[in-house]
Structures are given as structure tokens and as C-alpha cells.
Amino acid sequence: MQLDLNLLTALDALLEEESVTGAADRLHLSAPAMSRTLGRIRQATGDQILVRAGRVMRPTPRAIALRDEVRALVLRSADVLTPERELHLDALQRVFTIQAHDALTTALAPVLVQRVATVAPGVRVRFLGEASGGNTELGRGVVDLEIGSAAPVSPSIDHEAVGTDELVGVARAGHPMLSAPIDLEQWVAVPHVVVSRRGRLRDRVDDHLESVGRSRTVVSSLAATGAAIEVVRSTDAVAVVPASVAARLDDGVGSFRLPVALPPVPIVLAWHRQFTADVAHRWFRALTGDVLRSERDPRRQS
């Protein structure tokens, strides 16, 4: 029997995308060509693999059972057929895309861009805002790295926890909140601004306060951490931000310890499994993790 490894690659794309068009886009093929390949896969396996259900296609039970094995075979064949190569950073030409909350980007971008430019001048880094829902860009390998607070559940996404980031309060210079110590009643009595890409007027802080029978007055919700800090700078409102952001504040805004015990925010790097063995991607995600770790160490809150 003549085996065609290209069918495995196509089957892997079809099972992950659950779409002929999506699989064709991933493999840079036309939709008709991918449809013909699906026909060959059906003939080889004796199974329909994908069946139409309304406007979408659903995998058959056999396809679901094959998914992990097919992925492992594709990765293994790539390892076998792709020679190990040495990475020459001075000659590397590549664009890496990072998707993250703007607070993390604020702390990460200045250091990461500088370190990349120093050792790999041909590499460019794009920073995208937080995903709006299910991250299809990460799932399709369009985004190289997503930095979030939760481990992914998809088997096609690998991840690494690189630590945590504590939360601190920020206020304008001269604000009473910067005159330690402060208590909970003082803190909840002042106006607050929150950061929410969706415009929500409450967050995990309000959930915690509610659990201890307290509440605060949120006067504004802003989509970006930088905008929230500018409101803090010009008003009596305070905000809660990651300590890595507070460490970069200028003299016009100061930070203070919160009078509530909020759990630190996990920092998790996630990437599509297709990049796991890629030598350049390994270098970039290791560098990103190193920067995130180093940016947490020097912080000291007042």
C-alpha cells in the first residue's frame, strides 16, 4: 500500500479546523483541492471524517478518536523529516505576534523590544490587544504567543506558567492613600476607576469586597490601563493595577499596598502546538518568559 504523509497533514488540519475552508487556508491550498483531499482521506479510512450539520461540519466518532493520534504522528514526522538547525539570531528575519492584556503589554513591551533588537535586528514584534472571546487566532497559529491568566484547555495549545503578578493600588501624587497606613474603610470611601475592555463597572475586586460585606464606588471604566492611570493622575480616583505596571509609574502617580488580600494574577504563556519544536519560536518564547520574570523581581510597593 502506498502511503501519502500529506494525507496525515491534511487530516490533522481538517480535524482541528472542522472546516474544509479553514484547513485549506492553513495549508495554503484552494478549497476545491482540500475537498478532493478529504475525498481521498475518506476512501483511505473508510469513514466520512467530517459530515455537514447545517452550516458547519462535525467530526465523526472515528475522527474524534483519531485526532490525538494524528496530531502526534504529524509532529513526529515533522521532527524526523526536518533537520535540526542552528539558530543564527543575527540573520533571523521573522515577525512574532503577541496577544495580551494592555497592562502586561505595558510592562513587557519596552524591555522585550529592546532585547530583541539587540540580538536579532531582523525580528519584528507585533502586540495585539486581548482577544474578545474564543481565541481563534491562537488556535489557528496566527498569534505566536498569548499571555493570559489561565491555562488553555485545547489539546492543540501548549503553555507555560511563568509566575504571578501582584495587584497594587495607584493614586495621584499627594493623595491621602499614599500616606501609609490605610484601612479598608478609607480605601472604599474614595472613588475608583477600573480597567475593562468590555466596559464593565466591576471586577474581581468588587467580588472580593462583596464577600466581606463591603462595596466601593466605581466612577469610570476604561478600556486601557494607560487611560485609567491618566484619570488617576488628574483626579482623586484610585485604581488597582498589576505591580509590574506600577513599577514604571512616574512621579505624578504613586502606588500603595491594598488593604485587602487579593490573590496574585497568574501569568501564562500559550502557543499553538505547531510552534513547540520550532527553534526560533523556542528562542522567542524563552526570551519573553525571561523578561516577564525579570520585570516582577525589582518591584517594591510603598
C-alpha atoms as a PDB file:
ATOM      1  CA  MET A   1       0.000   0.000   0.000  1.00  0.00           C
ATOM      2  CA  GLN A   2       1.353   3.390  -0.997  1.00  0.00           C
ATOM      3  CA  LEU A   3       1.163   5.834   1.954  1.00  0.00           C
ATOM      4  CA  ASP A   4       0.986   9.578   1.461  1.00  0.00           C
ATOM      5  CA  LEU A   5       2.105  11.567   4.511  1.00  0.00           C
ATOM      6  CA  ASN A   6       0.436  14.628   3.002  1.00  0.00           C
ATOM      7  CA  LEU A   7      -2.887  12.985   3.827  1.00  0.00           C
ATOM      8  CA  LEU A   8      -1.921  12.932   7.509  1.00  0.00           C
ATOM      9  CA  THR A   9      -1.103  16.628   7.430  1.00  0.00           C
ATOM     10  CA  ALA A  10      -4.385  17.394   5.688  1.00  0.00           C
ATOM     11  CA  LEU A  11      -6.323  15.169   8.090  1.00  0.00           C
ATOM     12  CA  ASP A  12      -4.724  16.940  11.059  1.00  0.00           C
ATOM     13  CA  ALA A  13      -5.779  20.337   9.676  1.00  0.00           C
ATOM     14  CA  LEU A  14      -9.305  19.109   8.911  1.00  0.00           C
ATOM     15  CA  LEU A  15      -9.771  17.646  12.387  1.00  0.00           C
ATOM     16  CA  GLU A  16      -8.560  20.804  14.086  1.00  0.00           C
ATOM     17  CA  GLU A  17     -10.398  23.306  11.891  1.00  0.00           C
ATOM     18  CA  GLU A  18     -13.527  21.151  11.368  1.00  0.00           C
ATOM     19  CA  SER A  19     -13.834  23.045   8.112  1.00  0.00           C
ATOM     20  CA  VAL A  20     -12.646  22.389   4.578  1.00  0.00           C
ATOM     21  CA  THR A  21     -12.126  26.122   4.013  1.00  0.00           C
ATOM     22  CA  GLY A  22     -10.263  26.579   7.300  1.00  0.00           C
ATOM     23  CA  ALA A  23      -7.999  23.610   6.614  1.00  0.00           C
ATOM     24  CA  ALA A  24      -7.337  24.887   3.094  1.00  0.00           C
ATOM     25  CA  ASP A  25      -6.335  28.307   4.461  1.00  0.00           C
ATOM     26  CA  ARG A  26      -3.974  26.749   6.981  1.00  0.00           C
ATOM     27  CA  LEU A  27      -2.228  24.615   4.344  1.00  0.00           C
ATOM     28  CA  HIS A  28      -2.328  27.360   1.694  1.00  0.00           C
ATOM     29  CA  LEU A  29      -4.496  25.269  -0.632  1.00  0.00           C
ATOM     30  CA  SER A  30      -7.666  26.039  -2.533  1.00  0.00           C
ATOM     31  CA  ALA A  31     -10.967  24.832  -1.081  1.00  0.00           C
ATOM     32  CA  PRO A  32     -11.602  22.507  -4.089  1.00  0.00           C
ATOM     33  CA  ALA A  33      -8.156  20.932  -3.632  1.00  0.00           C
ATOM     34  CA  MET A  34      -8.854  20.340   0.056  1.00  0.00           C
ATOM     35  CA  SER A  35     -12.255  18.857  -0.799  1.00  0.00           C
ATOM     36  CA  ARG A  36     -10.554  16.369  -3.140  1.00  0.00           C
ATOM     37  CA  THR A  37      -8.051  15.524  -0.391  1.00  0.00           C
ATOM     38  CA  LEU A  38     -10.910  14.918   2.055  1.00  0.00           C
ATOM     39  CA  GLY A  39     -12.358  12.515  -0.502  1.00  0.00           C
ATOM     40  CA  ARG A  40      -9.053  10.611  -0.603  1.00  0.00           C
ATOM     41  CA  ILE A  41      -8.940  10.506   3.200  1.00  0.00           C
ATOM     42  CA  ARG A  42     -12.495   9.137   3.297  1.00  0.00           C
ATOM     43  CA  GLN A  43     -11.550   6.458   0.813  1.00  0.00           C
ATOM     44  CA  ALA A  44      -8.395   5.520   2.744  1.00  0.00           C
ATOM     45  CA  THR A  45     -10.080   5.391   6.164  1.00  0.00           C
ATOM     46  CA  GLY A  46     -13.471   4.074   5.128  1.00  0.00           C
ATOM     47  CA  ASP A  47     -15.055   6.868   7.184  1.00  0.00           C
ATOM     48  CA  GLN A  48     -16.688  10.200   6.347  1.00  0.00           C
ATOM     49  CA  ILE A  49     -14.395  12.009   8.844  1.00  0.00           C
ATOM     50  CA  LEU A  50     -16.410  15.246   8.592  1.00  0.00           C
ATOM     51  CA  VAL A  51     -20.148  15.420   7.962  1.00  0.00           C
ATOM     52  CA  ARG A  52     -22.244  18.500   7.355  1.00  0.00           C
ATOM     53  CA  ALA A  53     -24.595  19.623  10.135  1.00  0.00           C
ATOM     54  CA  GLY A  54     -26.438  22.707   8.924  1.00  0.00           C
ATOM     55  CA  ARG A  55     -23.855  25.341   8.054  1.00  0.00           C
ATOM     56  CA  VAL A  56     -20.968  23.655   9.848  1.00  0.00           C
ATOM     57  CA  MET A  57     -19.171  20.330   9.646  1.00  0.00           C
ATOM     58  CA  ARG A  58     -18.863  17.931  12.560  1.00  0.00           C
ATOM     59  CA  PRO A  59     -16.278  15.164  13.073  1.00  0.00           C
ATOM     60  CA  THR A  60     -17.471  11.581  13.143  1.00  0.00           C
ATOM     61  CA  PRO A  61     -16.789   9.394  16.200  1.00  0.00           C
ATOM     62  CA  ARG A  62     -13.906   7.767  14.294  1.00  0.00           C
ATOM     63  CA  ALA A  63     -12.434  11.200  13.522  1.00  0.00           C
ATOM     64  CA  ILE A  64     -12.623  12.234  17.179  1.00  0.00           C
ATOM     65  CA  ALA A  65     -10.887   9.013  18.192  1.00  0.00           C
ATOM     66  CA  LEU A  66      -8.125   9.645  15.643  1.00  0.00           C
ATOM     67  CA  ARG A  67      -7.485  13.317  16.461  1.00  0.00           C
ATOM     68  CA  ASP A  68      -4.754  12.993  19.103  1.00  0.00           C
ATOM     69  CA  GLU A  69      -3.015  10.128  17.314  1.00  0.00           C
ATOM     70  CA  VAL A  70      -2.960  12.011  14.010  1.00  0.00           C
ATOM     71  CA  ARG A  71      -1.546  15.124  15.739  1.00  0.00           C
ATOM     72  CA  ALA A  72       1.199  13.066  17.381  1.00  0.00           C
ATOM     73  CA  LEU A  73       2.090  11.417  14.060  1.00  0.00           C
ATOM     74  CA  VAL A  74       2.284  14.753  12.261  1.00  0.00           C
ATOM     75  CA  LEU A  75       4.536  16.247  14.942  1.00  0.00           C
ATOM     76  CA  ARG A  76       6.730  13.151  14.989  1.00  0.00           C
ATOM     77  CA  SER A  77       7.067  13.086  11.206  1.00  0.00           C
ATOM     78  CA  ALA A  78       7.994  16.778  11.243  1.00  0.00           C
ATOM     79  CA  ASP A  79      10.728  16.033  13.786  1.00  0.00           C
ATOM     80  CA  VAL A  80      12.035  13.148  11.701  1.00  0.00           C
ATOM     81  CA  LEU A  81      11.935  14.890   8.327  1.00  0.00           C
ATOM     82  CA  THR A  82      13.112  18.337   9.459  1.00  0.00           C
ATOM     83  CA  PRO A  83      16.824  18.507  10.200  1.00  0.00           C
ATOM     84  CA  GLU A  84      17.864  20.221  13.398  1.00  0.00           C
ATOM     85  CA  ARG A  85      19.353  23.566  12.545  1.00  0.00           C
ATOM     86  CA  GLU A  86      21.332  26.099  14.461  1.00  0.00           C
ATOM     87  CA  LEU A  87      19.599  29.401  15.080  1.00  0.00           C
ATOM     88  CA  HIS A  88      21.513  32.441  13.810  1.00  0.00           C
ATOM     89  CA  LEU A  89      19.796  35.354  15.528  1.00  0.00           C
ATOM     90  CA  ASP A  90      21.763  37.996  13.646  1.00  0.00           C
ATOM     91  CA  ALA A  91      20.342  36.676  10.359  1.00  0.00           C
ATOM     92  CA  LEU A  92      16.821  35.770  11.548  1.00  0.00           C
ATOM     93  CA  GLN A  93      14.025  37.519   9.606  1.00  0.00           C
ATOM     94  CA  ARG A  94      10.653  36.988  11.269  1.00  0.00           C
ATOM     95  CA  VAL A  95       7.596  38.708  12.729  1.00  0.00           C
ATOM     96  CA  PHE A  96       6.338  37.454  16.099  1.00  0.00           C
ATOM     97  CA  THR A  97       2.848  38.362  17.284  1.00  0.00           C
ATOM     98  CA  ILE A  98       1.943  38.597  20.964  1.00  0.00           C
ATOM     99  CA  GLN A  99      -1.621  38.922  22.233  1.00  0.00           C
ATOM    100  CA  ALA A 100      -2.035  40.170  25.798  1.00  0.00           C
ATOM    101  CA  HIS A 101      -3.901  42.452  28.167  1.00  0.00           C
ATOM    102  CA  ASP A 102      -2.633  46.005  27.758  1.00  0.00           C
ATOM    103  CA  ALA A 103      -1.322  46.076  31.354  1.00  0.00           C
ATOM    104  CA  LEU A 104       1.002  43.188  30.576  1.00  0.00           C
ATOM    105  CA  THR A 105       1.987  44.761  27.277  1.00  0.00           C
ATOM    106  CA  THR A 106       2.844  47.997  29.084  1.00  0.00           C
ATOM    107  CA  ALA A 107       5.287  46.177  31.350  1.00  0.00           C
ATOM    108  CA  LEU A 108       6.640  43.745  28.766  1.00  0.00           C
ATOM    109  CA  ALA A 109       6.974  45.678  25.504  1.00  0.00           C
ATOM    110  CA  PRO A 110       9.722  48.218  26.313  1.00  0.00           C
ATOM    111  CA  VAL A 111      12.145  45.621  27.640  1.00  0.00           C
ATOM    112  CA  LEU A 112      11.315  42.862  25.153  1.00  0.00           C
ATOM    113  CA  VAL A 113      11.569  45.104  22.092  1.00  0.00           C
ATOM    114  CA  GLN A 114      14.941  46.417  23.268  1.00  0.00           C
ATOM    115  CA  ARG A 115      16.329  42.944  23.966  1.00  0.00           C
ATOM    116  CA  VAL A 116      15.102  41.560  20.636  1.00  0.00           C
ATOM    117  CA  ALA A 117      16.603  44.487  18.717  1.00  0.00           C
ATOM    118  CA  THR A 118      19.955  43.969  20.441  1.00  0.00           C
ATOM    119  CA  VAL A 119      20.423  40.314  19.433  1.00  0.00           C
ATOM    120  CA  ALA A 120      18.076  39.849  16.444  1.00  0.00           C
ATOM    121  CA  PRO A 121      17.769  43.097  14.446  1.00  0.00           C
ATOM    122  CA  GLY A 122      15.775  41.380  11.682  1.00  0.00           C
ATOM    123  CA  VAL A 123      12.974  40.338  14.061  1.00  0.00           C
ATOM    124  CA  ARG A 124       9.873  42.484  14.490  1.00  0.00           C
ATOM    125  CA  VAL A 125       7.320  42.128  17.289  1.00  0.00           C
ATOM    126  CA  ARG A 126       3.609  42.902  16.992  1.00  0.00           C
ATOM    127  CA  PHE A 127       1.466  43.403  20.114  1.00  0.00           C
ATOM    128  CA  LEU A 128      -2.279  42.807  19.833  1.00  0.00           C
ATOM    129  CA  GLY A 129      -4.986  43.561  22.381  1.00  0.00           C
ATOM    130  CA  GLU A 130      -6.698  40.915  24.443  1.00  0.00           C
ATOM    131  CA  ALA A 131      -8.902  38.505  22.482  1.00  0.00           C
ATOM    132  CA  SER A 132     -12.645  39.217  22.516  1.00  0.00           C
ATOM    133  CA  GLY A 133     -13.737  35.646  23.116  1.00  0.00           C
ATOM    134  CA  GLY A 134     -12.593  32.258  21.910  1.00  0.00           C
ATOM    135  CA  ASN A 135      -9.121  32.955  20.609  1.00  0.00           C
ATOM    136  CA  THR A 136      -9.308  31.646  17.049  1.00  0.00           C
ATOM    137  CA  GLU A 137      -6.078  33.477  16.143  1.00  0.00           C
ATOM    138  CA  LEU A 138      -4.101  31.462  18.686  1.00  0.00           C
ATOM    139  CA  GLY A 139      -5.908  28.252  17.724  1.00  0.00           C
ATOM    140  CA  ARG A 140      -5.028  28.739  14.082  1.00  0.00           C
ATOM    141  CA  GLY A 141      -1.427  29.656  14.766  1.00  0.00           C
ATOM    142  CA  VAL A 142      -1.846  33.264  13.616  1.00  0.00           C
ATOM    143  CA  VAL A 143      -0.778  34.571  17.043  1.00  0.00           C
ATOM    144  CA  ASP A 144       2.621  33.293  18.173  1.00  0.00           C
ATOM    145  CA  LEU A 145       2.160  33.867  21.901  1.00  0.00           C
ATOM    146  CA  GLU A 146      -0.824  34.666  24.068  1.00  0.00           C
ATOM    147  CA  ILE A 147      -0.137  35.934  27.577  1.00  0.00           C
ATOM    148  CA  GLY A 148      -3.040  35.432  29.939  1.00  0.00           C
ATOM    149  CA  SER A 149      -4.022  34.330  33.422  1.00  0.00           C
ATOM    150  CA  ALA A 150      -5.476  30.888  32.709  1.00  0.00           C
ATOM    151  CA  ALA A 151      -4.084  27.673  31.258  1.00  0.00           C
ATOM    152  CA  PRO A 152      -5.651  26.758  27.884  1.00  0.00           C
ATOM    153  CA  VAL A 153      -7.896  23.702  27.671  1.00  0.00           C
ATOM    154  CA  SER A 154      -7.476  22.935  23.971  1.00  0.00           C
ATOM    155  CA  PRO A 155      -5.159  19.973  23.270  1.00  0.00           C
ATOM    156  CA  SER A 156      -3.701  21.909  20.339  1.00  0.00           C
ATOM    157  CA  ILE A 157      -2.376  24.676  22.614  1.00  0.00           C
ATOM    158  CA  ASP A 158       0.772  24.268  24.704  1.00  0.00           C
ATOM    159  CA  HIS A 159       1.533  26.549  27.627  1.00  0.00           C
ATOM    160  CA  GLU A 160       3.992  27.507  30.348  1.00  0.00           C
ATOM    161  CA  ALA A 161       3.295  29.262  33.655  1.00  0.00           C
ATOM    162  CA  VAL A 162       5.963  31.913  34.215  1.00  0.00           C
ATOM    163  CA  GLY A 163       4.834  33.235  37.599  1.00  0.00           C
ATOM    164  CA  THR A 164       2.337  35.670  39.085  1.00  0.00           C
ATOM    165  CA  ASP A 165       1.815  39.421  39.269  1.00  0.00           C
ATOM    166  CA  GLU A 166       0.517  41.045  42.444  1.00  0.00           C
ATOM    167  CA  LEU A 167      -2.118  43.781  42.407  1.00  0.00           C
ATOM    168  CA  VAL A 168      -1.492  47.188  43.981  1.00  0.00           C
ATOM    169  CA  GLY A 169      -3.335  50.497  44.267  1.00  0.00           C
ATOM    170  CA  VAL A 170      -2.321  53.658  42.426  1.00  0.00           C
ATOM    171  CA  ALA A 171      -3.192  57.276  43.207  1.00  0.00           C
ATOM    172  CA  ARG A 172      -2.038  60.766  42.228  1.00  0.00           C
ATOM    173  CA  ALA A 173       0.922  62.306  43.992  1.00  0.00           C
ATOM    174  CA  GLY A 174      -0.191  63.812  47.300  1.00  0.00           C
ATOM    175  CA  HIS A 175      -3.286  61.635  47.584  1.00  0.00           C
ATOM    176  CA  PRO A 176      -4.139  60.524  51.163  1.00  0.00           C
ATOM    177  CA  MET A 177      -3.956  56.901  50.001  1.00  0.00           C
ATOM    178  CA  LEU A 178      -0.200  57.284  49.628  1.00  0.00           C
ATOM    179  CA  SER A 179       0.174  58.163  53.312  1.00  0.00           C
ATOM    180  CA  ALA A 180       0.511  54.688  54.824  1.00  0.00           C
ATOM    181  CA  PRO A 181      -1.059  53.020  56.621  1.00  0.00           C
ATOM    182  CA  ILE A 182      -4.582  52.991  55.152  1.00  0.00           C
ATOM    183  CA  ASP A 183      -7.507  50.827  56.162  1.00  0.00           C
ATOM    184  CA  LEU A 184     -10.330  49.243  54.227  1.00  0.00           C
ATOM    185  CA  GLU A 185     -12.900  51.883  55.159  1.00  0.00           C
ATOM    186  CA  GLN A 186     -10.663  54.697  53.898  1.00  0.00           C
ATOM    187  CA  TRP A 187      -9.974  52.875  50.656  1.00  0.00           C
ATOM    188  CA  VAL A 188     -13.578  52.022  49.730  1.00  0.00           C
ATOM    189  CA  ALA A 189     -14.655  55.582  50.559  1.00  0.00           C
ATOM    190  CA  VAL A 190     -12.675  57.150  47.684  1.00  0.00           C
ATOM    191  CA  PRO A 191     -13.797  56.992  44.023  1.00  0.00           C
ATOM    192  CA  HIS A 192     -12.375  54.136  41.929  1.00  0.00           C
ATOM    193  CA  VAL A 193     -11.742  53.588  38.232  1.00  0.00           C
ATOM    194  CA  VAL A 194     -11.483  50.115  36.710  1.00  0.00           C
ATOM    195  CA  VAL A 195      -9.911  48.719  33.548  1.00  0.00           C
ATOM    196  CA  SER A 196     -12.249  46.664  31.373  1.00  0.00           C
ATOM    197  CA  ARG A 197     -12.030  46.090  27.646  1.00  0.00           C
ATOM    198  CA  ARG A 198     -15.770  45.346  27.650  1.00  0.00           C
ATOM    199  CA  GLY A 199     -16.700  48.433  29.670  1.00  0.00           C
ATOM    200  CA  ARG A 200     -17.687  46.571  32.836  1.00  0.00           C
ATOM    201  CA  LEU A 201     -18.035  48.624  36.007  1.00  0.00           C
ATOM    202  CA  ARG A 202     -16.923  45.855  38.361  1.00  0.00           C
ATOM    203  CA  ASP A 203     -14.147  43.287  38.509  1.00  0.00           C
ATOM    204  CA  ARG A 204     -12.573  40.734  40.865  1.00  0.00           C
ATOM    205  CA  VAL A 205     -12.003  43.463  43.472  1.00  0.00           C
ATOM    206  CA  ASP A 206     -15.757  44.019  43.788  1.00  0.00           C
ATOM    207  CA  ASP A 207     -16.329  40.269  44.076  1.00  0.00           C
ATOM    208  CA  HIS A 208     -13.883  40.162  46.990  1.00  0.00           C
ATOM    209  CA  LEU A 209     -15.407  43.206  48.700  1.00  0.00           C
ATOM    210  CA  GLU A 210     -18.857  41.711  48.349  1.00  0.00           C
ATOM    211  CA  SER A 211     -17.658  38.540  50.064  1.00  0.00           C
ATOM    212  CA  VAL A 212     -16.608  40.564  53.124  1.00  0.00           C
ATOM    213  CA  GLY A 213     -19.711  42.746  53.181  1.00  0.00           C
ATOM    214  CA  ARG A 214     -18.171  45.874  51.638  1.00  0.00           C
ATOM    215  CA  SER A 215     -18.542  47.780  48.391  1.00  0.00           C
ATOM    216  CA  ARG A 216     -16.823  50.658  46.615  1.00  0.00           C
ATOM    217  CA  THR A 217     -17.915  53.413  44.235  1.00  0.00           C
ATOM    218  CA  VAL A 218     -16.663  52.911  40.672  1.00  0.00           C
ATOM    219  CA  VAL A 219     -16.923  56.204  38.810  1.00  0.00           C
ATOM    220  CA  SER A 220     -15.450  55.126  35.478  1.00  0.00           C
ATOM    221  CA  SER A 221     -14.467  52.130  33.361  1.00  0.00           C
ATOM    222  CA  LEU A 222     -11.682  52.460  30.799  1.00  0.00           C
ATOM    223  CA  ALA A 223     -10.539  50.041  28.123  1.00  0.00           C
ATOM    224  CA  ALA A 224      -6.812  50.622  28.672  1.00  0.00           C
ATOM    225  CA  THR A 225      -4.620  50.714  31.767  1.00  0.00           C
ATOM    226  CA  GLY A 226      -2.758  53.781  30.498  1.00  0.00           C
ATOM    227  CA  ALA A 227      -6.024  55.718  30.206  1.00  0.00           C
ATOM    228  CA  ALA A 228      -7.029  54.689  33.725  1.00  0.00           C
ATOM    229  CA  ILE A 229      -3.704  55.933  35.094  1.00  0.00           C
ATOM    230  CA  GLU A 230      -4.230  59.286  33.379  1.00  0.00           C
ATOM    231  CA  VAL A 231      -7.608  59.630  35.121  1.00  0.00           C
ATOM    232  CA  VAL A 232      -5.914  58.759  38.410  1.00  0.00           C
ATOM    233  CA  ARG A 233      -3.210  61.351  37.736  1.00  0.00           C
ATOM    234  CA  SER A 234      -5.770  64.150  37.270  1.00  0.00           C
ATOM    235  CA  THR A 235      -8.429  63.279  39.881  1.00  0.00           C
ATOM    236  CA  ASP A 236      -8.918  61.893  43.369  1.00  0.00           C
ATOM    237  CA  ALA A 237      -9.876  58.490  41.944  1.00  0.00           C
ATOM    238  CA  VAL A 238      -7.699  55.444  42.607  1.00  0.00           C
ATOM    239  CA  ALA A 239      -7.210  52.251  40.599  1.00  0.00           C
ATOM    240  CA  VAL A 240      -5.930  48.693  41.002  1.00  0.00           C
ATOM    241  CA  VAL A 241      -3.196  47.640  38.564  1.00  0.00           C
ATOM    242  CA  PRO A 242      -0.546  44.917  38.311  1.00  0.00           C
ATOM    243  CA  ALA A 243       2.576  45.723  40.317  1.00  0.00           C
ATOM    244  CA  SER A 244       4.706  45.387  37.151  1.00  0.00           C
ATOM    245  CA  VAL A 245       2.805  48.391  35.746  1.00  0.00           C
ATOM    246  CA  ALA A 246       3.058  50.374  38.977  1.00  0.00           C
ATOM    247  CA  ALA A 247       6.842  49.890  38.938  1.00  0.00           C
ATOM    248  CA  ARG A 248       7.015  52.045  35.782  1.00  0.00           C
ATOM    249  CA  LEU A 249       4.951  54.998  37.055  1.00  0.00           C
ATOM    250  CA  ASP A 250       6.453  58.482  37.015  1.00  0.00           C
ATOM    251  CA  ASP A 251       6.494  60.950  39.905  1.00  0.00           C
ATOM    252  CA  GLY A 252       2.917  62.105  39.212  1.00  0.00           C
ATOM    253  CA  VAL A 253       1.394  58.785  40.313  1.00  0.00           C
ATOM    254  CA  GLY A 254       2.358  56.571  43.236  1.00  0.00           C
ATOM    255  CA  SER A 255       1.480  53.077  44.363  1.00  0.00           C
ATOM    256  CA  PHE A 256       0.308  51.679  47.673  1.00  0.00           C
ATOM    257  CA  ARG A 257      -0.445  48.311  49.229  1.00  0.00           C
ATOM    258  CA  LEU A 258      -4.095  47.350  49.113  1.00  0.00           C
ATOM    259  CA  PRO A 259      -5.939  46.896  52.418  1.00  0.00           C
ATOM    260  CA  VAL A 260      -7.479  43.693  51.026  1.00  0.00           C
ATOM    261  CA  ALA A 261      -5.900  40.305  50.395  1.00  0.00           C
ATOM    262  CA  LEU A 262      -6.345  39.828  46.649  1.00  0.00           C
ATOM    263  CA  PRO A 263      -4.765  36.719  45.116  1.00  0.00           C
ATOM    264  CA  PRO A 264      -1.916  37.386  42.666  1.00  0.00           C
ATOM    265  CA  VAL A 265      -2.710  37.100  38.966  1.00  0.00           C
ATOM    266  CA  PRO A 266      -1.116  34.071  37.222  1.00  0.00           C
ATOM    267  CA  ILE A 267       0.954  34.770  34.106  1.00  0.00           C
ATOM    268  CA  VAL A 268       0.671  32.028  31.474  1.00  0.00           C
ATOM    269  CA  LEU A 269       2.332  31.853  28.070  1.00  0.00           C
ATOM    270  CA  ALA A 270       0.330  29.904  25.467  1.00  0.00           C
ATOM    271  CA  TRP A 271       1.118  28.979  21.867  1.00  0.00           C
ATOM    272  CA  HIS A 272      -0.118  26.650  19.141  1.00  0.00           C
ATOM    273  CA  ARG A 273       1.500  23.236  19.288  1.00  0.00           C
ATOM    274  CA  GLN A 274       2.708  23.623  15.721  1.00  0.00           C
ATOM    275  CA  PHE A 275       5.343  26.047  17.092  1.00  0.00           C
ATOM    276  CA  THR A 276       6.512  23.913  20.016  1.00  0.00           C
ATOM    277  CA  ALA A 277       9.512  22.422  18.212  1.00  0.00           C
ATOM    278  CA  ASP A 278      10.279  25.495  16.089  1.00  0.00           C
ATOM    279  CA  VAL A 279      13.762  26.660  17.057  1.00  0.00           C
ATOM    280  CA  ALA A 280      13.103  30.386  16.512  1.00  0.00           C
ATOM    281  CA  HIS A 281       9.815  30.245  18.372  1.00  0.00           C
ATOM    282  CA  ARG A 282      11.506  28.439  21.269  1.00  0.00           C
ATOM    283  CA  TRP A 283      14.041  31.259  21.497  1.00  0.00           C
ATOM    284  CA  PHE A 284      11.350  33.959  21.363  1.00  0.00           C
ATOM    285  CA  ARG A 285       9.054  32.449  23.976  1.00  0.00           C
ATOM    286  CA  ALA A 286      12.012  31.746  26.293  1.00  0.00           C
ATOM    287  CA  LEU A 287      13.107  35.382  25.959  1.00  0.00           C
ATOM    288  CA  THR A 288       9.550  36.578  26.610  1.00  0.00           C
ATOM    289  CA  GLY A 289       9.316  34.400  29.709  1.00  0.00           C
ATOM    290  CA  ASP A 290      12.666  35.687  30.971  1.00  0.00           C
ATOM    291  CA  VAL A 291      11.565  39.306  30.556  1.00  0.00           C
ATOM    292  CA  LEU A 292       8.281  38.668  32.367  1.00  0.00           C
ATOM    293  CA  ARG A 293      10.130  37.029  35.250  1.00  0.00           C
ATOM    294  CA  SER A 294      12.751  39.766  35.497  1.00  0.00           C
ATOM    295  CA  GLU A 295      10.135  42.525  35.442  1.00  0.00           C
ATOM    296  CA  ARG A 296       8.493  41.078  38.568  1.00  0.00           C
ATOM    297  CA  ASP A 297      11.601  40.894  40.746  1.00  0.00           C
ATOM    298  CA  PRO A 298      12.609  44.535  41.336  1.00  0.00           C
ATOM    299  CA  ARG A 299       9.171  45.774  42.400  1.00  0.00           C
ATOM    300  CA  ARG A 300       8.752  47.247  45.823  1.00  0.00           C
ATOM    301  CA  GLN A 301       5.465  48.830  46.839  1.00  0.00           C
ATOM    302  CA  SER A 302       5.379  51.742  49.211  1.00  0.00           C
END
